[in-house]
N, C-alpha and C. Protein backbone atom coordinates (compact mmCIF):
# COMPACT_ATOMS: atom_id res chain seq x y z
N MET A 1 -4.79 -0.18 7.71
CA MET A 1 -4.44 0.05 9.06
C MET A 1 -5.43 0.97 9.76
N ALA A 2 -6.19 1.72 9.03
CA ALA A 2 -7.00 2.76 9.68
C ALA A 2 -8.07 2.16 10.46
N ASP A 3 -8.55 0.99 10.10
CA ASP A 3 -9.60 0.23 11.01
C ASP A 3 -8.68 -0.83 11.80
N TRP A 4 -8.41 -0.39 13.08
CA TRP A 4 -7.41 -1.16 13.84
C TRP A 4 -7.98 -2.54 14.17
N PRO A 5 -9.25 -2.77 14.72
CA PRO A 5 -9.67 -4.03 14.96
C PRO A 5 -9.68 -4.93 13.76
N LEU A 6 -9.94 -4.41 12.55
CA LEU A 6 -9.90 -5.26 11.42
C LEU A 6 -8.37 -5.64 11.06
N PHE A 7 -7.51 -4.69 11.28
CA PHE A 7 -6.07 -4.94 10.97
C PHE A 7 -5.52 -6.03 11.92
N VAL A 8 -6.02 -5.99 13.32
CA VAL A 8 -5.64 -6.99 14.31
C VAL A 8 -6.09 -8.39 13.90
N GLU A 9 -7.36 -8.35 13.39
CA GLU A 9 -7.99 -9.64 13.03
C GLU A 9 -7.15 -10.23 11.85
N LYS A 10 -6.89 -9.47 10.87
CA LYS A 10 -6.08 -9.85 9.74
C LYS A 10 -4.58 -10.29 10.23
N TYR A 11 -4.02 -9.42 10.89
CA TYR A 11 -2.69 -9.64 11.39
C TYR A 11 -2.64 -11.00 12.14
N ASN A 12 -3.67 -11.30 12.90
CA ASN A 12 -3.55 -12.56 13.70
C ASN A 12 -3.77 -13.80 12.77
N LYS A 13 -4.51 -13.60 11.83
CA LYS A 13 -4.64 -14.74 10.80
C LYS A 13 -3.31 -15.01 10.02
N PHE A 14 -2.80 -13.89 9.70
CA PHE A 14 -1.45 -14.00 9.02
C PHE A 14 -0.48 -14.70 9.84
N ILE A 15 -0.22 -14.15 11.08
CA ILE A 15 0.78 -14.77 11.98
C ILE A 15 0.44 -16.23 12.29
N ASP A 16 -0.87 -16.57 12.57
CA ASP A 16 -1.23 -17.94 12.84
C ASP A 16 -0.78 -18.90 11.60
N ARG A 17 -1.10 -18.48 10.57
CA ARG A 17 -0.63 -19.17 9.18
C ARG A 17 0.88 -19.32 9.25
N PHE A 18 1.58 -18.15 9.42
CA PHE A 18 3.03 -18.15 9.25
C PHE A 18 3.66 -19.14 10.31
N GLN A 19 3.24 -19.00 11.48
CA GLN A 19 3.79 -19.84 12.55
C GLN A 19 3.54 -21.49 12.31
N TYR A 20 2.26 -21.73 11.72
CA TYR A 20 1.97 -22.95 11.34
C TYR A 20 2.88 -23.47 10.33
N GLN A 21 3.07 -22.66 9.22
CA GLN A 21 3.65 -23.05 8.11
C GLN A 21 5.27 -23.25 8.33
N PHE A 22 5.89 -22.36 9.14
CA PHE A 22 7.33 -22.27 9.32
C PHE A 22 7.76 -22.80 10.69
N HIS A 23 6.86 -23.24 11.64
CA HIS A 23 7.08 -23.77 12.84
C HIS A 23 7.94 -22.84 13.84
N ILE A 24 7.50 -21.75 13.79
CA ILE A 24 8.22 -20.66 14.60
C ILE A 24 7.37 -20.44 15.84
N ASP A 25 7.96 -20.71 17.10
CA ASP A 25 7.42 -20.52 18.31
C ASP A 25 7.94 -19.38 19.13
N SER A 26 9.13 -18.79 18.77
CA SER A 26 9.69 -17.68 19.45
C SER A 26 9.48 -16.32 19.12
N PHE A 27 8.14 -16.15 18.67
CA PHE A 27 7.82 -14.84 18.20
C PHE A 27 6.86 -14.21 19.18
N ASP A 28 7.05 -12.92 19.54
CA ASP A 28 6.26 -12.24 20.50
C ASP A 28 5.30 -11.34 19.89
N ARG A 29 4.13 -11.97 19.67
CA ARG A 29 2.96 -11.41 18.81
C ARG A 29 2.58 -10.00 19.70
N ALA A 30 2.35 -10.17 20.91
CA ALA A 30 1.92 -8.94 21.78
C ALA A 30 2.78 -7.85 21.66
N GLU A 31 4.16 -8.01 21.75
CA GLU A 31 5.12 -7.03 21.62
C GLU A 31 5.06 -6.14 20.26
N GLU A 32 5.03 -7.08 19.19
CA GLU A 32 4.89 -6.46 17.94
C GLU A 32 3.67 -5.73 17.72
N LEU A 33 2.51 -6.27 18.13
CA LEU A 33 1.18 -5.53 18.09
C LEU A 33 1.21 -4.34 18.87
N ASP A 34 1.91 -4.26 20.01
CA ASP A 34 2.09 -2.96 20.78
C ASP A 34 2.78 -1.86 20.04
N GLU A 35 3.93 -2.20 19.30
CA GLU A 35 4.70 -1.31 18.40
C GLU A 35 3.70 -0.88 17.25
N LEU A 36 3.08 -1.65 16.68
CA LEU A 36 2.13 -1.41 15.50
C LEU A 36 1.02 -0.46 16.04
N LYS A 37 0.54 -0.79 17.19
CA LYS A 37 -0.47 0.14 17.82
C LYS A 37 0.11 1.57 18.00
N MET A 38 1.34 1.57 18.43
CA MET A 38 1.88 3.07 18.67
C MET A 38 2.06 3.71 17.33
N PHE A 39 2.38 3.01 16.37
CA PHE A 39 2.63 3.42 14.86
C PHE A 39 1.28 4.07 14.41
N HIS A 40 0.22 3.16 14.57
CA HIS A 40 -1.18 3.39 14.21
C HIS A 40 -1.73 4.70 14.87
N GLU A 41 -1.47 4.89 16.15
CA GLU A 41 -1.94 6.05 16.85
C GLU A 41 -1.15 7.32 16.32
N LYS A 42 0.10 7.30 15.99
CA LYS A 42 0.79 8.32 15.49
C LYS A 42 0.23 8.75 14.04
N MET A 43 0.06 7.68 13.33
CA MET A 43 -0.55 7.98 11.94
C MET A 43 -1.85 8.68 12.02
N MET A 44 -2.63 8.21 12.99
CA MET A 44 -4.09 8.68 13.06
C MET A 44 -4.07 10.13 13.71
N ALA A 45 -3.08 10.45 14.56
CA ALA A 45 -2.95 11.63 15.33
C ALA A 45 -2.55 12.76 14.33
N ASP A 46 -1.57 12.43 13.37
CA ASP A 46 -1.01 13.31 12.37
C ASP A 46 -1.70 13.25 11.10
N ASN A 47 -2.92 12.65 10.99
CA ASN A 47 -3.60 12.56 9.64
C ASN A 47 -2.76 12.02 8.51
N MET A 48 -1.96 11.08 8.73
CA MET A 48 -1.00 10.50 7.78
C MET A 48 -1.83 9.40 6.99
N LEU A 49 -2.90 8.91 7.24
CA LEU A 49 -3.72 8.06 6.37
C LEU A 49 -4.85 8.83 5.79
N VAL A 50 -4.82 8.66 4.45
CA VAL A 50 -5.83 9.35 3.60
C VAL A 50 -6.44 8.30 2.55
N ASP A 51 -7.51 8.45 2.05
CA ASP A 51 -7.96 7.74 0.96
C ASP A 51 -7.37 8.43 -0.30
N SER A 52 -6.49 7.86 -0.92
CA SER A 52 -5.63 8.48 -1.93
C SER A 52 -6.58 8.86 -3.16
N LEU A 53 -7.49 8.00 -3.53
CA LEU A 53 -8.46 8.41 -4.62
C LEU A 53 -9.21 9.78 -4.38
N ASP A 54 -9.79 9.78 -3.21
CA ASP A 54 -10.40 10.93 -2.81
C ASP A 54 -9.51 12.24 -2.84
N TYR A 55 -8.35 11.97 -2.24
CA TYR A 55 -7.33 13.04 -2.12
C TYR A 55 -6.94 13.62 -3.45
N VAL A 56 -6.65 12.71 -4.41
CA VAL A 56 -6.28 13.18 -5.75
C VAL A 56 -7.30 13.77 -6.45
N HIS A 57 -8.56 13.16 -6.34
CA HIS A 57 -9.66 13.83 -7.04
C HIS A 57 -10.22 15.08 -6.55
N ASP A 58 -10.02 15.36 -5.14
CA ASP A 58 -10.34 16.60 -4.61
C ASP A 58 -9.33 17.71 -5.26
N TYR A 59 -8.12 17.39 -5.41
CA TYR A 59 -7.09 18.30 -5.90
C TYR A 59 -7.48 18.62 -7.27
N MET A 60 -7.73 17.58 -8.11
CA MET A 60 -8.16 17.77 -9.57
C MET A 60 -9.40 18.66 -9.60
N ARG A 61 -10.41 18.37 -8.79
CA ARG A 61 -11.63 19.06 -8.77
C ARG A 61 -11.44 20.68 -8.52
N ASP A 62 -10.41 20.76 -7.71
CA ASP A 62 -10.08 22.38 -7.35
C ASP A 62 -9.25 23.04 -8.45
N GLY A 63 -9.00 22.26 -9.50
CA GLY A 63 -8.21 22.85 -10.46
C GLY A 63 -6.69 22.75 -10.42
N LYS A 64 -6.23 22.10 -9.40
CA LYS A 64 -4.80 21.85 -9.09
C LYS A 64 -4.25 20.85 -10.09
N ARG A 65 -2.86 20.83 -10.33
CA ARG A 65 -2.38 19.82 -11.19
C ARG A 65 -1.66 18.82 -10.32
N ILE A 66 -1.71 17.56 -11.08
CA ILE A 66 -1.12 16.40 -10.32
C ILE A 66 0.08 15.98 -11.09
N ILE A 67 1.20 15.75 -10.38
CA ILE A 67 2.50 15.25 -11.00
C ILE A 67 2.70 13.79 -10.62
N ALA A 68 2.85 12.95 -11.70
CA ALA A 68 3.00 11.57 -11.38
C ALA A 68 4.43 11.21 -11.87
N GLU A 69 5.16 10.53 -10.99
CA GLU A 69 6.60 10.10 -11.23
C GLU A 69 6.61 8.78 -11.62
N GLY A 70 7.37 8.48 -12.73
CA GLY A 70 7.57 7.04 -13.09
C GLY A 70 9.00 6.64 -12.70
N ALA A 71 9.26 5.67 -11.88
CA ALA A 71 10.50 5.29 -11.45
C ALA A 71 11.05 4.23 -12.28
N ASN A 72 10.47 3.59 -13.12
CA ASN A 72 10.85 2.48 -13.89
C ASN A 72 10.77 2.72 -15.46
N ALA A 73 11.49 1.90 -16.26
CA ALA A 73 11.36 2.12 -17.67
C ALA A 73 10.15 1.35 -18.15
N THR A 74 9.85 1.47 -19.46
CA THR A 74 8.78 0.92 -20.07
C THR A 74 9.03 -0.66 -20.11
N MET A 75 10.29 -1.06 -20.24
CA MET A 75 10.60 -2.52 -20.38
C MET A 75 10.41 -3.31 -18.97
N LEU A 76 10.23 -2.45 -17.92
CA LEU A 76 9.83 -3.00 -16.65
C LEU A 76 8.34 -3.18 -16.36
N ASP A 77 7.51 -2.58 -17.32
CA ASP A 77 6.13 -2.60 -17.13
C ASP A 77 5.52 -4.02 -17.19
N MET A 78 4.58 -4.33 -16.31
CA MET A 78 4.27 -5.71 -16.32
C MET A 78 3.32 -6.04 -17.55
N ASP A 79 2.86 -5.16 -18.24
CA ASP A 79 2.14 -5.53 -19.54
C ASP A 79 2.89 -5.39 -20.81
N GLN A 80 3.78 -4.12 -20.78
CA GLN A 80 4.59 -4.05 -21.95
C GLN A 80 6.00 -4.53 -21.92
N GLY A 81 6.41 -4.92 -20.82
CA GLY A 81 7.84 -5.15 -20.48
C GLY A 81 8.31 -6.48 -21.03
N THR A 82 9.61 -6.82 -20.72
CA THR A 82 10.26 -7.98 -21.16
C THR A 82 10.21 -9.00 -20.04
N TYR A 83 9.05 -9.80 -20.07
CA TYR A 83 8.93 -10.86 -18.95
C TYR A 83 10.04 -11.79 -19.06
N PRO A 84 10.60 -12.28 -18.03
CA PRO A 84 10.10 -12.24 -16.65
C PRO A 84 10.81 -10.99 -15.88
N TYR A 85 11.50 -10.16 -16.63
CA TYR A 85 12.22 -9.08 -15.88
C TYR A 85 11.30 -7.90 -15.82
N VAL A 86 10.21 -7.94 -15.10
CA VAL A 86 9.15 -6.80 -14.94
C VAL A 86 8.89 -6.57 -13.55
N THR A 87 8.28 -5.56 -13.25
CA THR A 87 7.86 -5.26 -11.91
C THR A 87 6.43 -5.60 -11.68
N SER A 88 5.81 -5.31 -10.61
CA SER A 88 4.37 -5.72 -10.45
C SER A 88 3.39 -4.57 -10.86
N SER A 89 3.83 -3.64 -11.37
CA SER A 89 2.89 -2.69 -11.73
C SER A 89 3.01 -2.02 -13.04
N SER A 90 2.29 -1.03 -13.51
CA SER A 90 2.32 -0.32 -14.83
C SER A 90 3.27 0.71 -14.73
N THR A 91 4.32 0.73 -15.39
CA THR A 91 5.33 1.90 -15.24
C THR A 91 5.14 2.92 -16.38
N THR A 92 4.26 2.66 -17.34
CA THR A 92 4.03 3.61 -18.28
C THR A 92 3.03 4.66 -17.96
N VAL A 93 2.65 5.43 -18.90
CA VAL A 93 1.62 6.47 -18.54
C VAL A 93 0.26 5.97 -18.26
N GLY A 94 0.01 4.66 -18.72
CA GLY A 94 -1.21 4.16 -18.24
C GLY A 94 -1.25 3.71 -16.76
N GLY A 95 -0.15 3.78 -16.02
CA GLY A 95 -0.10 3.45 -14.63
C GLY A 95 -0.60 4.68 -13.87
N VAL A 96 -0.84 5.71 -14.42
CA VAL A 96 -1.39 7.03 -13.79
C VAL A 96 -2.92 6.66 -13.64
N CYS A 97 -3.47 6.08 -14.68
CA CYS A 97 -4.92 5.80 -14.60
C CYS A 97 -5.19 4.63 -13.64
N THR A 98 -4.33 3.53 -13.80
CA THR A 98 -4.50 2.39 -12.91
C THR A 98 -4.11 2.54 -11.62
N GLY A 99 -2.98 3.25 -11.44
CA GLY A 99 -2.47 3.40 -9.99
C GLY A 99 -2.98 4.50 -9.19
N LEU A 100 -3.26 5.65 -9.75
CA LEU A 100 -3.78 6.83 -9.00
C LEU A 100 -5.30 7.05 -9.18
N GLY A 101 -5.78 6.33 -10.30
CA GLY A 101 -7.19 6.48 -10.46
C GLY A 101 -7.59 7.78 -11.23
N VAL A 102 -6.60 8.33 -11.94
CA VAL A 102 -6.81 9.54 -12.62
C VAL A 102 -7.29 9.24 -13.85
N PRO A 103 -8.51 9.80 -14.34
CA PRO A 103 -9.15 9.53 -15.60
C PRO A 103 -8.32 10.00 -16.74
N PRO A 104 -8.35 9.27 -17.97
CA PRO A 104 -7.56 9.72 -19.13
C PRO A 104 -8.01 11.03 -19.64
């Protein structure tokens, strides 16, 4: 969402496809884009968008510690879990490397 013109382009493609597929005509695209634009401006003004890889690596380079929280059990891990009852991410310690980009 940091690149607003690219976001609008992708948003319009998504909405076009959605309206075609589900035959929805009563959707106010301009109104929703106005709301999203206000949200975008707020995020940009308050520096709420960061490149998380750079952010984490800068902290590590400065000698700071990173705490990673795991919200799910191993049995929900998409690789180690009990399919089909899994989540869409790695919930074990390997998820720190794949999700945060922290080297082992």
